[in-house]
């Protein structure tokens, strides 16, 4: 059963390649969704199976080299039906 998780990632995350890093992780983990910057944080919407989402969550919690994650919030949302993963 597919789920939709949203990550709100705060810290030194802008201008570190985090959105591209999330795109690579989504490709590796078979995740659909999007990653965007908003007011100094990165917001990632991810849809996939629970095992794929678990793997992707761990991927995003590491972050790319050069970032410093201060907080990582996860919330569940209604399925949006993403067809791919996009950087906004």
N, C-alpha and C. Protein backbone atom coordinates (compact mmCIF):
# COMPACT_ATOMS: atom_id res chain seq x y z
N UNK A 1 0.84 -1.19 0.00
CA UNK A 1 0.00 0.00 0.00
C UNK A 1 0.88 1.25 0.00
N UNK A 2 0.60 2.14 -0.91
CA UNK A 2 1.39 3.35 -1.06
C UNK A 2 1.05 4.36 0.05
N UNK A 3 2.08 5.09 0.49
CA UNK A 3 1.93 6.15 1.50
C UNK A 3 2.57 7.43 0.98
N UNK A 4 2.18 8.55 1.59
CA UNK A 4 2.75 9.86 1.25
C UNK A 4 3.31 10.46 2.53
N UNK A 5 4.63 10.67 2.54
CA UNK A 5 5.28 11.32 3.67
C UNK A 5 5.83 12.66 3.22
N UNK A 6 5.82 13.63 4.13
CA UNK A 6 6.45 14.92 3.87
C UNK A 6 7.54 15.13 4.91
N UNK A 7 8.73 15.50 4.44
CA UNK A 7 9.86 15.82 5.31
C UNK A 7 10.07 17.33 5.28
N UNK A 8 10.23 17.93 6.44
CA UNK A 8 10.62 19.34 6.54
C UNK A 8 11.99 19.32 7.21
N UNK A 9 12.99 19.76 6.44
CA UNK A 9 14.39 19.63 6.87
C UNK A 9 14.95 21.03 7.09
N UNK A 10 15.41 21.27 8.31
CA UNK A 10 15.94 22.59 8.66
C UNK A 10 17.39 22.48 9.05
N UNK A 11 18.10 23.58 8.89
CA UNK A 11 19.52 23.65 9.22
C UNK A 11 20.25 24.31 8.06
N UNK A 12 21.52 23.94 7.90
CA UNK A 12 22.28 24.43 6.75
C UNK A 12 22.01 23.47 5.59
N UNK A 13 20.88 23.71 4.90
CA UNK A 13 20.45 22.79 3.85
C UNK A 13 20.31 23.46 2.49
N UNK A 14 20.23 24.79 2.47
CA UNK A 14 20.15 25.49 1.18
C UNK A 14 21.53 25.61 0.56
N UNK A 15 21.57 25.58 -0.76
CA UNK A 15 22.82 25.70 -1.52
C UNK A 15 23.82 24.61 -1.18
N UNK A 16 23.32 23.42 -0.87
CA UNK A 16 24.19 22.28 -0.59
C UNK A 16 23.95 21.13 -1.57
N UNK A 17 23.02 21.33 -2.52
CA UNK A 17 22.68 20.26 -3.45
C UNK A 17 21.68 19.28 -2.87
N UNK A 18 20.99 19.69 -1.81
CA UNK A 18 20.08 18.77 -1.12
C UNK A 18 18.95 18.30 -2.02
N UNK A 19 18.37 19.20 -2.82
CA UNK A 19 17.26 18.79 -3.69
C UNK A 19 17.72 17.79 -4.74
N UNK A 20 18.90 17.99 -5.32
CA UNK A 20 19.45 17.04 -6.28
C UNK A 20 19.76 15.71 -5.59
N UNK A 21 20.29 15.79 -4.39
CA UNK A 21 20.57 14.59 -3.58
C UNK A 21 19.27 13.80 -3.35
N UNK A 22 18.17 14.52 -3.05
CA UNK A 22 16.87 13.86 -2.86
C UNK A 22 16.40 13.21 -4.15
N UNK A 23 16.63 13.87 -5.28
CA UNK A 23 16.26 13.29 -6.59
C UNK A 23 17.00 11.98 -6.82
N UNK A 24 18.30 11.96 -6.54
CA UNK A 24 19.08 10.72 -6.71
C UNK A 24 18.55 9.63 -5.80
N UNK A 25 18.26 9.98 -4.55
CA UNK A 25 17.72 9.01 -3.60
C UNK A 25 16.36 8.48 -4.04
N UNK A 26 15.53 9.37 -4.55
CA UNK A 26 14.20 8.95 -5.03
C UNK A 26 14.34 7.94 -6.16
N UNK A 27 15.29 8.19 -7.04
CA UNK A 27 15.53 7.26 -8.15
C UNK A 27 15.99 5.90 -7.63
N UNK A 28 16.90 5.91 -6.66
CA UNK A 28 17.42 4.67 -6.08
C UNK A 28 16.34 3.89 -5.32
N UNK A 29 15.41 4.62 -4.70
CA UNK A 29 14.42 3.99 -3.81
C UNK A 29 13.03 3.84 -4.42
N UNK A 30 12.89 4.18 -5.70
CA UNK A 30 11.59 4.06 -6.38
C UNK A 30 10.53 4.95 -5.73
N UNK A 31 10.88 6.21 -5.48
CA UNK A 31 9.99 7.18 -4.84
C UNK A 31 9.54 8.22 -5.85
N UNK A 32 8.29 8.59 -5.78
CA UNK A 32 7.73 9.67 -6.60
C UNK A 32 7.44 10.85 -5.68
N UNK A 33 7.52 12.08 -6.20
CA UNK A 33 7.23 13.24 -5.37
C UNK A 33 7.96 14.47 -5.85
N UNK A 34 8.39 15.30 -4.90
CA UNK A 34 9.07 16.55 -5.24
C UNK A 34 9.88 17.05 -4.06
N UNK A 35 10.87 17.89 -4.38
CA UNK A 35 11.69 18.56 -3.36
C UNK A 35 11.76 20.03 -3.71
N UNK A 36 11.59 20.87 -2.69
CA UNK A 36 11.63 22.32 -2.93
C UNK A 36 12.24 23.04 -1.73
N UNK A 37 12.73 24.25 -1.97
CA UNK A 37 13.21 25.13 -0.90
C UNK A 37 12.08 26.06 -0.53
N UNK A 38 11.97 26.35 0.76
CA UNK A 38 10.95 27.29 1.21
C UNK A 38 11.40 27.91 2.53
N UNK A 39 11.63 29.20 2.51
CA UNK A 39 11.97 29.97 3.71
C UNK A 39 13.08 29.33 4.53
N UNK A 40 14.18 28.99 3.87
CA UNK A 40 15.35 28.48 4.57
C UNK A 40 15.32 27.02 4.93
N UNK A 41 14.34 26.29 4.41
CA UNK A 41 14.28 24.86 4.70
C UNK A 41 14.01 24.10 3.40
N UNK A 42 14.20 22.80 3.44
CA UNK A 42 13.90 21.93 2.32
C UNK A 42 12.66 21.14 2.68
N UNK A 43 11.71 21.09 1.75
CA UNK A 43 10.49 20.31 1.93
C UNK A 43 10.48 19.22 0.86
N UNK A 44 10.35 17.98 1.29
CA UNK A 44 10.33 16.85 0.38
C UNK A 44 9.00 16.12 0.56
N UNK A 45 8.26 15.95 -0.53
CA UNK A 45 7.07 15.12 -0.54
C UNK A 45 7.44 13.82 -1.24
N UNK A 46 7.14 12.70 -0.61
CA UNK A 46 7.57 11.40 -1.12
C UNK A 46 6.42 10.40 -1.05
N UNK A 47 6.20 9.69 -2.16
CA UNK A 47 5.20 8.64 -2.20
C UNK A 47 5.84 7.34 -2.64
N UNK A 48 5.45 6.26 -1.97
CA UNK A 48 5.98 4.95 -2.31
C UNK A 48 5.51 3.91 -1.31
N UNK A 49 6.03 2.71 -1.44
CA UNK A 49 5.70 1.63 -0.51
C UNK A 49 6.41 1.89 0.82
N UNK A 50 5.90 1.34 1.91
CA UNK A 50 6.57 1.55 3.21
C UNK A 50 8.06 1.17 3.21
N UNK A 51 8.47 0.01 2.64
CA UNK A 51 9.92 -0.29 2.65
C UNK A 51 10.74 0.73 1.85
N UNK A 52 10.21 1.16 0.70
CA UNK A 52 10.92 2.16 -0.11
C UNK A 52 10.99 3.50 0.62
N UNK A 53 9.90 3.89 1.28
CA UNK A 53 9.89 5.14 2.04
C UNK A 53 10.86 5.09 3.21
N UNK A 54 10.96 3.94 3.87
CA UNK A 54 11.92 3.81 4.97
C UNK A 54 13.34 4.02 4.48
N UNK A 55 13.67 3.41 3.34
CA UNK A 55 15.01 3.55 2.76
C UNK A 55 15.27 5.00 2.36
N UNK A 56 14.27 5.64 1.73
CA UNK A 56 14.41 7.03 1.29
C UNK A 56 14.53 7.98 2.49
N UNK A 57 13.79 7.70 3.55
CA UNK A 57 13.87 8.53 4.75
C UNK A 57 15.29 8.52 5.31
N UNK A 58 15.89 7.33 5.40
CA UNK A 58 17.26 7.23 5.90
C UNK A 58 18.23 7.96 4.97
N UNK A 59 18.02 7.85 3.66
CA UNK A 59 18.84 8.57 2.67
C UNK A 59 18.79 10.07 2.96
N UNK A 60 17.58 10.61 3.11
CA UNK A 60 17.43 12.04 3.31
C UNK A 60 17.95 12.50 4.67
N UNK A 61 17.88 11.64 5.67
CA UNK A 61 18.39 12.01 7.00
C UNK A 61 19.91 12.18 6.98
N UNK A 62 20.60 11.50 6.06
CA UNK A 62 22.05 11.68 5.93
C UNK A 62 22.35 13.03 5.30
N UNK A 63 21.67 13.33 4.20
CA UNK A 63 21.90 14.56 3.47
C UNK A 63 23.22 14.54 2.72
N UNK A 64 23.39 15.48 1.79
CA UNK A 64 24.63 15.55 1.03
C UNK A 64 25.77 16.11 1.86
N UNK A 65 26.98 15.88 1.40
CA UNK A 65 28.15 16.47 2.05
C UNK A 65 27.99 17.99 2.09
N UNK A 66 28.34 18.59 3.19
CA UNK A 66 28.26 20.04 3.30
C UNK A 66 26.99 20.56 3.95
N UNK A 67 26.00 19.70 4.13
CA UNK A 67 24.79 20.16 4.80
C UNK A 67 24.89 19.85 6.29
N UNK A 68 24.11 20.56 7.07
CA UNK A 68 24.06 20.31 8.51
C UNK A 68 22.59 20.33 8.90
N UNK A 69 22.02 19.15 9.13
CA UNK A 69 20.61 19.03 9.46
C UNK A 69 20.42 19.28 10.96
N UNK A 70 19.59 20.26 11.28
CA UNK A 70 19.29 20.58 12.68
C UNK A 70 17.98 19.95 13.13
N UNK A 71 17.02 19.83 12.21
CA UNK A 71 15.77 19.14 12.53
C UNK A 71 15.22 18.48 11.27
N UNK A 72 14.55 17.36 11.48
CA UNK A 72 13.99 16.55 10.39
C UNK A 72 12.60 16.10 10.85
N UNK A 73 11.57 16.78 10.36
CA UNK A 73 10.20 16.48 10.76
C UNK A 73 9.52 15.65 9.67
N UNK A 74 8.75 14.65 10.09
CA UNK A 74 8.03 13.78 9.16
C UNK A 74 6.55 13.84 9.48
N UNK A 75 5.73 14.04 8.44
CA UNK A 75 4.28 13.98 8.61
C UNK A 75 3.69 13.17 7.46
N UNK A 76 2.53 12.59 7.70
CA UNK A 76 1.87 11.79 6.67
C UNK A 76 0.73 12.59 6.06
N UNK A 77 0.55 12.45 4.74
CA UNK A 77 -0.46 13.19 4.00
C UNK A 77 -1.24 12.25 3.09
N UNK A 78 -2.29 12.78 2.48
CA UNK A 78 -3.07 12.02 1.49
C UNK A 78 -2.22 11.80 0.24
N UNK A 79 -2.45 10.69 -0.44
CA UNK A 79 -1.75 10.39 -1.69
C UNK A 79 -2.08 11.46 -2.73
N UNK A 80 -1.05 11.97 -3.40
CA UNK A 80 -1.22 12.97 -4.45
C UNK A 80 -1.14 12.37 -5.85
N UNK A 81 -0.57 11.19 -5.97
CA UNK A 81 -0.48 10.53 -7.27
C UNK A 81 0.65 11.05 -8.15
N UNK A 82 1.78 11.38 -7.56
CA UNK A 82 2.93 11.84 -8.34
C UNK A 82 3.32 10.76 -9.36
N UNK A 83 3.74 11.21 -10.54
CA UNK A 83 4.16 10.30 -11.61
C UNK A 83 5.67 10.13 -11.68
N UNK A 84 6.40 11.08 -11.09
CA UNK A 84 7.87 11.05 -11.09
C UNK A 84 8.33 11.87 -9.90
N UNK A 85 9.63 12.14 -9.83
CA UNK A 85 10.17 12.98 -8.77
C UNK A 85 10.76 14.23 -9.40
N UNK A 86 10.36 15.38 -8.91
CA UNK A 86 10.78 16.65 -9.49
C UNK A 86 11.45 17.54 -8.45
N UNK A 87 12.37 18.36 -8.93
CA UNK A 87 12.95 19.44 -8.13
C UNK A 87 12.21 20.71 -8.51
N UNK A 88 11.67 21.39 -7.53
CA UNK A 88 10.95 22.65 -7.80
C UNK A 88 11.78 23.82 -7.33
